[in-house]
C-alpha atoms as a PDB file:
ATOM      1  CA  UNK A   1     -10.378   2.434  -2.060  1.00  0.00           C
ATOM      2  CA  UNK A   2      -7.591   2.965   0.427  1.00  0.00           C
ATOM      3  CA  UNK A   3      -4.133   3.870  -0.764  1.00  0.00           C
ATOM      4  CA  UNK A   4      -1.850   0.853  -0.060  1.00  0.00           C
ATOM      5  CA  UNK A   5       1.264   3.048   0.058  1.00  0.00           C
ATOM      6  CA  UNK A   6       2.188   5.026   3.169  1.00  0.00           C
ATOM      7  CA  UNK A   7       2.268   8.807   2.867  1.00  0.00           C
ATOM      8  CA  UNK A   8       5.610  10.529   2.349  1.00  0.00           C
ATOM      9  CA  UNK A   9       5.735  11.872   5.925  1.00  0.00           C
ATOM     10  CA  UNK A  10       5.367   8.319   7.279  1.00  0.00           C
ATOM     11  CA  UNK A  11       8.244   7.032   5.155  1.00  0.00           C
ATOM     12  CA  UNK A  12      10.412   9.981   6.215  1.00  0.00           C
ATOM     13  CA  UNK A  13       9.586   9.360   9.873  1.00  0.00           C
ATOM     14  CA  UNK A  14      10.469   5.660   9.595  1.00  0.00           C
ATOM     15  CA  UNK A  15      13.753   6.543   7.886  1.00  0.00           C
ATOM     16  CA  UNK A  16      14.616   8.976  10.686  1.00  0.00           C
ATOM     17  CA  UNK A  17      13.780   6.313  13.288  1.00  0.00           C
ATOM     18  CA  UNK A  18      16.095   3.826  11.607  1.00  0.00           C
ATOM     19  CA  UNK A  19      18.889   6.371  11.337  1.00  0.00           C
ATOM     20  CA  UNK A  20      18.506   7.265  15.025  1.00  0.00           C
ATOM     21  CA  UNK A  21      18.543   3.578  16.015  1.00  0.00           C
ATOM     22  CA  UNK A  22      21.688   3.007  13.955  1.00  0.00           C
ATOM     23  CA  UNK A  23      23.396   5.957  15.668  1.00  0.00           C
ATOM     24  CA  UNK A  24      22.417   4.691  19.105  1.00  0.00           C
ATOM     25  CA  UNK A  25      24.012   1.329  18.461  1.00  0.00           C
ATOM     26  CA  UNK A  26      23.594  -1.040  21.387  1.00  0.00           C
ATOM     27  CA  UNK A  27      21.691   1.459  23.517  1.00  0.00           C
ATOM     28  CA  UNK A  28      18.360   0.461  21.980  1.00  0.00           C
ATOM     29  CA  UNK A  29      19.062  -3.238  22.552  1.00  0.00           C
ATOM     30  CA  UNK A  30      19.950  -2.597  26.197  1.00  0.00           C
ATOM     31  CA  UNK A  31      16.796  -0.538  26.672  1.00  0.00           C
ATOM     32  CA  UNK A  32      14.648  -3.236  25.045  1.00  0.00           C
ATOM     33  CA  UNK A  33      16.213  -5.926  27.235  1.00  0.00           C
ATOM     34  CA  UNK A  34      15.745  -3.853  30.388  1.00  0.00           C
ATOM     35  CA  UNK A  35      12.133  -3.167  29.445  1.00  0.00           C
ATOM     36  CA  UNK A  36      11.446  -6.879  28.905  1.00  0.00           C
ATOM     37  CA  UNK A  37      13.034  -7.754  32.262  1.00  0.00           C
ATOM     38  CA  UNK A  38      11.021  -5.085  34.066  1.00  0.00           C
ATOM     39  CA  UNK A  39       7.861  -6.358  32.396  1.00  0.00           C
ATOM     40  CA  UNK A  40       8.707  -9.861  33.636  1.00  0.00           C
ATOM     41  CA  UNK A  41       9.501  -8.582  37.140  1.00  0.00           C
ATOM     42  CA  UNK A  42       6.100  -6.918  37.323  1.00  0.00           C
ATOM     43  CA  UNK A  43       4.521 -10.344  36.711  1.00  0.00           C
ATOM     44  CA  UNK A  44       6.399 -12.031  39.613  1.00  0.00           C
ATOM     45  CA  UNK A  45       3.158 -13.072  41.282  1.00  0.00           C
ATOM     46  CA  UNK A  46       2.378 -15.487  38.404  1.00  0.00           C
ATOM     47  CA  UNK A  47       5.437 -17.632  39.134  1.00  0.00           C
ATOM     48  CA  UNK A  48       8.815 -18.187  37.497  1.00  0.00           C
ATOM     49  CA  UNK A  49       7.596 -20.017  34.352  1.00  0.00           C
ATOM     50  CA  UNK A  50       5.106 -17.259  33.579  1.00  0.00           C
ATOM     51  CA  UNK A  51       7.771 -14.635  34.256  1.00  0.00           C
ATOM     52  CA  UNK A  52       9.815 -16.184  31.443  1.00  0.00           C
ATOM     53  CA  UNK A  53       6.806 -15.949  29.142  1.00  0.00           C
ATOM     54  CA  UNK A  54       6.275 -12.366  30.270  1.00  0.00           C
ATOM     55  CA  UNK A  55       9.903 -11.525  29.453  1.00  0.00           C
ATOM     56  CA  UNK A  56       9.464 -13.014  25.989  1.00  0.00           C
ATOM     57  CA  UNK A  57       6.193 -11.134  25.550  1.00  0.00           C
ATOM     58  CA  UNK A  58       7.845  -7.934  26.781  1.00  0.00           C
ATOM     59  CA  UNK A  59      10.631  -8.308  24.221  1.00  0.00           C
ATOM     60  CA  UNK A  60       8.077  -8.917  21.474  1.00  0.00           C
ATOM     61  CA  UNK A  61       6.007  -5.916  22.553  1.00  0.00           C
ATOM     62  CA  UNK A  62       9.122  -3.719  22.644  1.00  0.00           C
ATOM     63  CA  UNK A  63      10.069  -4.767  19.120  1.00  0.00           C
ATOM     64  CA  UNK A  64       6.521  -4.026  18.007  1.00  0.00           C
ATOM     65  CA  UNK A  65       6.772  -0.594  19.606  1.00  0.00           C
ATOM     66  CA  UNK A  66      10.171   0.096  18.041  1.00  0.00           C
ATOM     67  CA  UNK A  67       8.913  -0.877  14.584  1.00  0.00           C
ATOM     68  CA  UNK A  68       5.635   1.030  14.701  1.00  0.00           C
ATOM     69  CA  UNK A  69       6.706   3.993  16.834  1.00  0.00           C
ATOM     70  CA  UNK A  70       3.388   3.955  18.716  1.00  0.00           C
ATOM     71  CA  UNK A  71       2.344   2.116  21.847  1.00  0.00           C
ATOM     72  CA  UNK A  72      -1.248   1.098  21.034  1.00  0.00           C
ATOM     73  CA  UNK A  73      -0.402  -2.086  19.029  1.00  0.00           C
ATOM     74  CA  UNK A  74       1.574  -3.429  22.008  1.00  0.00           C
ATOM     75  CA  UNK A  75      -1.289  -2.505  24.354  1.00  0.00           C
ATOM     76  CA  UNK A  76      -3.791  -4.250  22.054  1.00  0.00           C
ATOM     77  CA  UNK A  77      -1.541  -7.326  21.927  1.00  0.00           C
ATOM     78  CA  UNK A  78      -1.403  -7.370  25.734  1.00  0.00           C
ATOM     79  CA  UNK A  79      -5.183  -7.012  25.901  1.00  0.00           C
ATOM     80  CA  UNK A  80      -5.744  -9.961  23.586  1.00  0.00           C
ATOM     81  CA  UNK A  81      -3.156 -12.056  25.416  1.00  0.00           C
ATOM     82  CA  UNK A  82      -4.976 -11.367  28.699  1.00  0.00           C
ATOM     83  CA  UNK A  83      -8.304 -12.098  27.063  1.00  0.00           C
ATOM     84  CA  UNK A  84      -7.016 -15.447  25.752  1.00  0.00           C
ATOM     85  CA  UNK A  85      -5.578 -16.335  29.182  1.00  0.00           C
ATOM     86  CA  UNK A  86      -8.883 -15.614  30.906  1.00  0.00           C
ATOM     87  CA  UNK A  87     -11.017 -17.440  28.343  1.00  0.00           C
END
């Protein structure tokens, strides 16, 4: 049976991430917004309405990255979003 509780090093890492984000203040929000806008700009060829969806998706993916601290969940989410769009 898997242990449902995260290991101590994981909890300590998450606490350090939250402390760092609190110290940075608005810097993280500006970076997340800029990242979402750049993600939308990269999808310019899909048209303006889809760029708005891409900006929303980019903001969601950035929040997912900030919460988990790793990129692969956001990449997997993008993969499944592309898969659903092509289906």
